[in-house]
Amino acid sequence: MSRRPASLARRLADGGNFPFVGSVQSKTHASSLLSIGLIIVGAILFVGYLYSGSGGSSSHRHIVSKIEGGVSCTLELQRALPVLKKAYGDNMHKVLHLGPDSCSVVSQLLKEEDTEAWGIEPYDLDDADATCMSFVRKGIVRVADIKFPLPYKAKSFSLVMVSDALDYLSPRYLNKSLPELARVSSDGIVVFTGYPGQQRAKVAELSKFGRPAKLRSSSWWIRYFFQMKLEENESAMKKFKQASAKRSYKPACQVFHLKSFP
């Protein structure tokens, strides 16, 4: 039944009885093409907006991560670097970062004046860009399993930062990794870890991480740090909170400030 009006219109147009029908069809076709074109342009502008932002590809990944419901504490650490700089001041002159996408963190740290930076990538580097591969060749960033002793001397760095790495370790391996962070640092350790209930590793990532993230509460971490004889750095905590308030910064991950071993 629905096809008859269209067939009738074509027969009348072809017969010449209604010469304006062809014009109406032509305008309708043009209108449809215009609508499709506007949709395509809108999609392109939206993708461009995602890629723009303040941090290029990193901002894009951060936005996409939020849309998908996941949280990357490594990207959160990068967002927090200006606040950490205010909190730690000169103690950020020689920094080691441990966690995935360490090349991006190191690259951002090296942009800071009077700051040296190194990185440990605990997982295989997939699709690493030219800058990252250059860091690896120079030994600035290393691929190493953090369940084993770190390849650095005691107190090699003023500050050690870790993100998206400890969440994937069982207490058995945390017992080995955390003391290593304290051993190679002289002025403190900053730990970025996820909140319980946050979406972290997707199914496709399990082959890389080996296990899903174990997101623990702040009380669990505080008890664990106490058991490992790692003291909280109250001075750094206070300065971090003050700097966060001034910048209206609210972390999307848990942030712990610890003292190094004496």
Protein backbone atom coordinates (compact mmCIF):
# COMPACT_ATOMS: atom_id res chain seq x y z
CA MET A 1 0.00 0.00 0.00
CA SER A 2 2.76 2.44 0.86
CA ARG A 3 4.46 2.06 -2.53
CA ARG A 4 1.47 3.15 -4.64
CA PRO A 5 1.69 6.94 -4.11
CA ALA A 6 5.33 6.95 -5.18
CA SER A 7 4.55 4.84 -8.28
CA LEU A 8 1.62 7.09 -9.14
CA ALA A 9 3.76 10.19 -8.82
CA ARG A 10 6.37 8.73 -11.17
CA ARG A 11 3.71 7.83 -13.77
CA LEU A 12 2.14 11.28 -13.63
CA ALA A 13 5.52 12.96 -13.88
CA ASP A 14 6.51 10.80 -16.81
CA GLY A 15 3.17 11.53 -18.52
CA GLY A 16 3.69 15.25 -18.21
CA ASN A 17 0.38 15.93 -16.38
CA PHE A 18 2.16 17.34 -13.32
CA PRO A 19 5.43 18.94 -14.47
CA PHE A 20 6.27 20.22 -10.98
CA VAL A 21 6.55 16.71 -9.46
CA GLY A 22 10.03 16.12 -10.85
CA SER A 23 11.13 19.44 -9.40
CA VAL A 24 9.83 18.48 -5.95
CA GLN A 25 11.65 15.13 -6.12
CA SER A 26 14.86 16.86 -7.14
CA LYS A 27 14.60 19.28 -4.21
CA THR A 28 13.87 16.42 -1.81
CA HIS A 29 16.95 14.53 -3.05
CA ALA A 30 19.09 17.64 -2.68
CA SER A 31 17.73 18.18 0.84
CA SER A 32 18.64 14.59 1.80
CA LEU A 33 22.18 15.03 0.50
CA LEU A 34 22.50 18.30 2.46
CA SER A 35 21.34 16.57 5.67
CA ILE A 36 23.87 13.76 5.19
CA GLY A 37 26.60 16.30 4.51
CA LEU A 38 25.78 18.23 7.69
CA ILE A 39 25.90 15.02 9.73
CA ILE A 40 29.34 14.14 8.31
CA VAL A 41 30.67 17.66 8.97
CA GLY A 42 29.31 17.53 12.53
CA ALA A 43 31.03 14.19 13.14
CA ILE A 44 34.34 15.56 11.81
CA LEU A 45 34.08 18.63 14.05
CA PHE A 46 33.32 16.46 17.09
CA VAL A 47 36.36 14.24 16.46
CA GLY A 48 38.46 17.36 15.96
CA TYR A 49 37.24 18.69 19.29
CA LEU A 50 38.29 15.49 21.04
CA TYR A 51 41.76 15.70 19.52
CA SER A 52 42.20 19.38 20.31
CA GLY A 53 42.05 20.09 24.05
CA SER A 54 45.07 21.28 25.95
CA GLY A 55 47.28 18.26 25.55
CA GLY A 56 46.95 16.87 22.05
CA SER A 57 46.74 13.10 21.84
CA SER A 58 47.01 12.70 25.61
CA SER A 59 43.96 14.89 26.12
CA HIS A 60 42.11 12.85 23.53
CA ARG A 61 42.94 9.62 25.33
CA HIS A 62 41.87 11.20 28.62
CA ILE A 63 38.49 12.26 27.18
CA VAL A 64 37.88 8.91 25.54
CA SER A 65 38.82 7.18 28.80
CA LYS A 66 36.22 9.24 30.66
CA ILE A 67 33.57 8.50 28.01
CA GLU A 68 34.20 4.78 28.25
CA GLY A 69 33.89 4.93 32.03
CA GLY A 70 37.53 4.10 32.77
CA VAL A 71 40.18 6.09 34.59
CA SER A 72 43.88 6.19 33.76
CA CYS A 73 45.95 7.18 36.78
CA THR A 74 48.96 7.75 34.52
CA LEU A 75 47.05 10.44 32.64
CA GLU A 76 45.82 11.74 35.99
CA LEU A 77 49.42 11.99 37.20
CA GLN A 78 50.30 14.06 34.14
CA ARG A 79 47.37 16.36 34.86
CA ALA A 80 48.57 16.71 38.45
CA LEU A 81 52.21 17.56 37.64
CA PRO A 82 51.83 21.34 38.16
CA VAL A 83 50.27 20.65 41.57
CA LEU A 84 53.02 18.17 42.46
CA LYS A 85 55.61 20.75 41.44
CA LYS A 86 54.12 23.21 43.92
CA ALA A 87 54.03 20.57 46.64
CA TYR A 88 57.55 19.18 46.19
CA GLY A 89 59.42 22.16 44.77
CA ASP A 90 63.14 21.45 44.40
CA ASN A 91 62.61 17.81 45.39
CA MET A 92 61.34 17.22 41.85
CA HIS A 93 64.74 17.85 40.29
CA LYS A 94 65.46 14.15 39.65
CA VAL A 95 62.35 12.01 39.10
CA LEU A 96 61.69 8.35 38.31
CA HIS A 97 58.27 7.32 37.03
CA LEU A 98 57.02 3.72 37.04
CA GLY A 99 53.93 2.74 35.09
CA PRO A 100 52.44 2.29 31.64
CA ASP A 101 52.95 5.09 29.12
CA SER A 102 56.00 6.17 31.10
CA CYS A 103 57.43 7.81 27.98
CA SER A 104 54.63 10.40 28.04
CA VAL A 105 55.24 11.19 31.70
CA VAL A 106 58.99 11.48 31.19
CA SER A 107 58.49 13.68 28.13
CA GLN A 108 56.29 16.05 30.12
CA LEU A 109 58.65 16.13 33.10
CA LEU A 110 61.61 16.99 30.89
CA LYS A 111 59.79 20.14 29.78
CA GLU A 112 60.08 21.44 33.35
CA GLU A 113 63.07 23.65 34.05
CA ASP A 114 65.90 22.02 36.03
CA THR A 115 64.17 18.62 36.03
CA GLU A 116 65.75 15.30 35.09
CA ALA A 117 63.47 12.34 34.49
CA TRP A 118 63.67 8.60 33.91
CA GLY A 119 61.00 5.94 33.47
CA ILE A 120 60.27 2.27 34.01
CA GLU A 121 57.69 0.74 31.66
CA PRO A 122 56.46 -2.45 33.38
CA TYR A 123 54.76 -3.83 30.27
CA ASP A 124 55.80 -4.36 26.66
CA LEU A 125 55.91 -1.19 24.60
CA ASP A 126 53.24 -1.53 21.94
CA ASP A 127 53.04 1.02 19.11
CA ALA A 128 55.72 3.20 20.71
CA ASP A 129 56.38 6.44 18.83
CA ALA A 130 59.77 7.76 17.72
CA THR A 131 60.24 9.85 20.86
CA CYS A 132 59.59 6.89 23.13
CA MET A 133 61.93 4.62 21.20
CA SER A 134 64.59 7.33 21.45
CA PHE A 135 64.16 7.35 25.24
CA VAL A 136 64.53 3.58 25.30
CA ARG A 137 67.68 3.62 23.16
CA LYS A 138 69.24 6.24 25.45
CA GLY A 139 68.33 4.27 28.57
CA ILE A 140 66.08 7.07 29.86
CA VAL A 141 63.09 4.71 29.80
CA ARG A 142 63.54 1.01 30.49
CA VAL A 143 61.19 -1.94 30.12
CA ALA A 144 61.47 -3.90 33.37
CA ASP A 145 59.38 -6.14 35.58
CA ILE A 146 58.80 -4.18 38.80
CA LYS A 147 58.29 -7.43 40.74
CA PHE A 148 62.08 -7.67 40.76
CA PRO A 149 64.79 -5.29 42.08
CA LEU A 150 65.01 -2.02 40.18
CA PRO A 151 68.21 -1.50 38.16
CA TYR A 152 69.30 1.59 40.16
CA LYS A 153 71.50 2.32 43.16
CA ALA A 154 70.03 3.41 46.49
CA LYS A 155 68.74 7.01 46.53
CA SER A 156 69.35 7.46 42.80
CA PHE A 157 66.31 9.77 42.53
CA SER A 158 64.93 12.56 44.63
CA LEU A 159 61.32 11.55 43.96
CA VAL A 160 59.69 8.36 42.67
CA MET A 161 56.21 8.43 41.13
CA VAL A 162 54.17 5.33 40.34
CA SER A 163 50.82 5.01 38.56
CA ASP A 164 48.67 2.19 37.10
CA ALA A 165 51.21 -0.42 38.21
CA LEU A 166 50.69 -1.35 41.86
CA ASP A 167 46.99 -2.03 41.22
CA TYR A 168 47.99 -5.11 39.23
CA LEU A 169 50.25 -6.59 41.90
CA SER A 170 49.21 -9.04 44.58
CA PRO A 171 50.44 -8.41 48.16
CA ARG A 172 53.11 -11.05 47.54
CA TYR A 173 54.75 -8.85 44.90
CA LEU A 174 53.89 -5.55 46.57
CA ASN A 175 56.08 -6.77 49.42
CA LYS A 176 59.02 -6.64 47.01
CA SER A 177 58.11 -3.63 44.85
CA LEU A 178 57.27 -1.01 47.48
CA PRO A 179 60.55 -1.35 49.41
CA GLU A 180 62.35 -0.90 46.10
CA LEU A 181 60.58 2.41 45.50
CA ALA A 182 61.67 3.58 48.93
CA ARG A 183 65.22 2.31 48.38
CA VAL A 184 65.90 4.21 45.15
CA SER A 185 64.30 7.49 46.32
CA SER A 186 65.69 10.07 48.72
CA ASP A 187 62.91 12.64 49.22
CA GLY A 188 59.68 10.75 48.79
CA ILE A 189 57.32 8.53 46.84
CA VAL A 190 54.02 9.50 45.19
CA VAL A 191 51.54 6.71 44.47
CA PHE A 192 48.55 7.17 42.13
CA THR A 193 46.08 4.31 42.43
CA GLY A 194 42.47 3.76 41.44
CA TYR A 195 39.41 4.02 43.64
CA PRO A 196 37.40 0.83 44.30
CA GLY A 197 34.63 0.48 41.74
CA GLN A 198 36.45 2.31 38.95
CA GLN A 199 36.65 0.55 35.58
CA ARG A 200 40.27 -0.15 34.74
CA ALA A 201 41.53 -3.03 32.58
CA LYS A 202 39.24 -4.15 29.77
CA VAL A 203 39.18 -7.72 28.53
CA ALA A 204 41.54 -6.85 25.68
CA GLU A 205 44.11 -5.57 28.19
CA LEU A 206 44.19 -8.65 30.39
CA SER A 207 46.72 -10.32 28.11
CA LYS A 208 49.04 -7.39 28.74
CA PHE A 209 48.53 -6.90 32.47
CA GLY A 210 48.12 -10.63 33.20
CA ARG A 211 45.34 -10.01 35.71
CA PRO A 212 42.53 -7.51 36.33
CA ALA A 213 43.30 -4.52 38.50
CA LYS A 214 42.73 -4.96 42.22
CA LEU A 215 41.42 -1.57 43.32
CA ARG A 216 41.83 -1.15 47.05
CA SER A 217 40.43 1.37 49.50
CA SER A 218 42.51 4.13 51.06
CA SER A 219 42.27 2.42 54.47
CA TRP A 220 43.69 -0.78 52.94
CA TRP A 221 46.64 1.11 51.48
CA ILE A 222 47.31 3.04 54.68
CA ARG A 223 47.38 -0.19 56.71
CA TYR A 224 49.63 -1.79 54.13
CA PHE A 225 52.07 1.14 54.11
CA PHE A 226 52.21 0.91 57.91
CA GLN A 227 52.98 -2.81 57.72
CA MET A 228 55.77 -2.06 55.24
CA LYS A 229 57.13 0.62 57.61
CA LEU A 230 56.49 3.34 55.04
CA GLU A 231 55.45 6.60 56.70
CA GLU A 232 53.08 9.07 55.11
CA ASN A 233 54.71 12.36 54.16
CA GLU A 234 52.38 14.73 56.02
CA SER A 235 54.23 17.85 54.92
CA ALA A 236 53.92 16.92 51.23
CA MET A 237 50.28 15.92 51.74
CA LYS A 238 49.45 19.33 53.20
CA LYS A 239 51.22 21.24 50.43
CA PHE A 240 49.54 19.06 47.78
CA LYS A 241 46.09 19.79 49.24
CA GLN A 242 46.82 23.52 49.37
CA ALA A 243 48.07 23.60 45.77
CA SER A 244 45.08 21.51 44.65
CA ALA A 245 42.65 23.94 46.29
CA LYS A 246 44.28 26.95 44.60
CA ARG A 247 44.01 25.28 41.20
CA SER A 248 40.56 23.79 41.84
CA TYR A 249 42.09 20.41 41.14
CA LYS A 250 40.32 17.27 42.31
CA PRO A 251 42.19 14.01 41.61
CA ALA A 252 40.29 11.23 39.85
CA CYS A 253 42.64 8.74 41.52
CA GLN A 254 43.83 8.18 45.07
CA VAL A 255 47.12 9.96 45.75
CA PHE A 256 49.46 8.86 48.54
CA HIS A 257 52.58 10.70 49.64
CA LEU A 258 55.19 8.56 51.38
CA LYS A 259 58.60 9.14 52.91
CA SER A 260 61.67 7.35 51.62
CA PHE A 261 63.65 5.06 53.88
CA PRO A 262 66.17 6.94 56.08
